[in-house]
Amino acid sequence: MAGSGKFDRPKADLIVALARTPISIATAESCTGGQLAALLAGDVSLGPHLERGFVAYSKDAKRELLDVPAEATERCDAVNAHAAEAMAGGAIWTSR
């Protein structure tokens, strides 16, 4: 991912959007293995906004770290919109 140009434009847009805001970001990742958190942490303009990042790859990790309901992780081998939404909610709740 480092040096990849495919994230340059979205990253630039995010930097502009976050400029002069007190917004904190918490990430909840699975298949990406922490790449989003690494992208944020690796940029001097975005790093200060990163509150924390969760990498919950297994079904058990999703349940234990982010309180994702078992039924959300049983569908489609834990990769589905319901699980992603529950992971996001868990990241927000845990970061309060």
Protein backbone atom coordinates (compact mmCIF):
# COMPACT_ATOMS: atom_id res chain seq x y z
CA MET A 1 0.00 0.00 0.00
CA ALA A 2 2.82 2.41 0.76
CA GLY A 3 3.56 4.52 -2.26
CA SER A 4 0.35 3.44 -3.99
CA GLY A 5 -1.22 6.26 -5.95
CA LYS A 6 -4.73 4.81 -5.85
CA PHE A 7 -5.39 6.43 -2.46
CA ASP A 8 -3.88 9.83 -3.26
CA ARG A 9 -7.10 11.58 -4.30
CA PRO A 10 -9.36 10.21 -1.53
CA LYS A 11 -6.62 10.94 1.01
CA ALA A 12 -6.27 14.52 -0.24
CA ASP A 13 -10.04 14.98 -0.03
CA LEU A 14 -10.04 13.64 3.53
CA ILE A 15 -7.22 15.98 4.55
CA VAL A 16 -9.20 18.97 3.24
CA ALA A 17 -12.42 17.79 4.92
CA LEU A 18 -10.71 17.31 8.29
CA ALA A 19 -8.70 20.51 8.23
CA ARG A 20 -9.42 22.64 11.28
CA THR A 21 -11.96 20.21 12.74
CA PRO A 22 -11.88 18.40 16.07
CA ILE A 23 -13.12 15.16 14.49
CA SER A 24 -11.65 11.92 15.78
CA ILE A 25 -11.68 8.73 13.72
CA ALA A 26 -11.99 5.16 14.94
CA THR A 27 -11.60 2.40 12.38
CA ALA A 28 -12.98 -1.14 12.49
CA GLU A 29 -11.38 -3.35 9.87
CA SER A 30 -11.44 -7.00 8.96
CA CYS A 31 -10.31 -8.06 5.48
CA THR A 32 -8.22 -4.90 5.08
CA GLY A 33 -6.09 -5.93 8.04
CA GLY A 34 -5.56 -2.41 9.37
CA GLN A 35 -4.66 -0.75 6.08
CA LEU A 36 -7.06 2.16 6.64
CA ALA A 37 -5.68 2.88 10.12
CA ALA A 38 -2.14 2.62 8.73
CA LEU A 39 -2.99 5.07 5.95
CA LEU A 40 -4.34 7.56 8.47
CA ALA A 41 -1.53 7.09 11.00
CA GLY A 42 1.12 7.40 8.31
CA ASP A 43 0.10 10.89 7.24
CA VAL A 44 1.13 13.91 9.31
CA SER A 45 -2.19 15.65 8.52
CA LEU A 46 -4.44 12.68 9.26
CA GLY A 47 -2.64 10.96 12.14
CA PRO A 48 -3.77 13.44 14.79
CA HIS A 49 -7.40 12.59 13.96
CA LEU A 50 -6.92 8.84 14.50
CA GLU A 51 -8.33 7.93 17.91
CA ARG A 52 -7.87 4.16 17.55
CA GLY A 53 -8.10 1.31 15.09
CA PHE A 54 -9.48 -2.19 15.51
CA VAL A 55 -8.50 -5.14 13.36
CA ALA A 56 -11.04 -7.86 14.02
CA TYR A 57 -10.44 -10.51 11.40
CA SER A 58 -11.96 -13.61 12.98
CA LYS A 59 -15.57 -14.04 14.03
CA ASP A 60 -14.45 -14.34 17.64
CA ALA A 61 -12.45 -11.11 17.43
CA LYS A 62 -15.45 -9.27 16.00
CA ARG A 63 -17.57 -10.48 18.90
CA GLU A 64 -14.96 -9.92 21.63
CA LEU A 65 -13.49 -6.57 20.54
CA LEU A 66 -16.50 -4.89 18.97
CA ASP A 67 -19.49 -6.72 20.48
CA VAL A 68 -20.73 -7.84 17.06
CA PRO A 69 -23.75 -10.14 17.46
CA ALA A 70 -23.17 -13.79 16.57
CA GLU A 71 -25.91 -13.73 13.93
CA ALA A 72 -24.07 -10.97 12.06
CA THR A 73 -20.90 -13.03 11.80
CA GLU A 74 -22.61 -16.25 10.77
CA ARG A 75 -23.83 -14.84 7.46
CA CYS A 76 -21.54 -14.99 4.45
CA ASP A 77 -18.54 -16.06 6.52
CA ALA A 78 -18.64 -12.82 8.57
CA VAL A 79 -18.24 -10.54 5.54
CA ASN A 80 -21.52 -8.70 5.04
CA ALA A 81 -23.16 -5.32 5.50
CA HIS A 82 -24.77 -6.30 8.82
CA ALA A 83 -21.41 -7.32 10.31
CA ALA A 84 -19.72 -4.18 8.95
CA GLU A 85 -22.40 -1.96 10.45
CA ALA A 86 -22.12 -3.74 13.79
CA MET A 87 -18.32 -3.39 13.70
CA ALA A 88 -18.64 0.35 13.06
CA GLY A 89 -21.08 0.70 15.93
CA GLY A 90 -18.78 -1.27 18.20
CA ALA A 91 -15.82 0.93 17.29
CA ILE A 92 -17.81 4.07 18.07
CA TRP A 93 -19.14 2.68 21.35
CA THR A 94 -15.72 1.45 22.49
CA SER A 95 -14.10 4.77 21.59
CA ARG A 96 -16.37 6.95 23.71
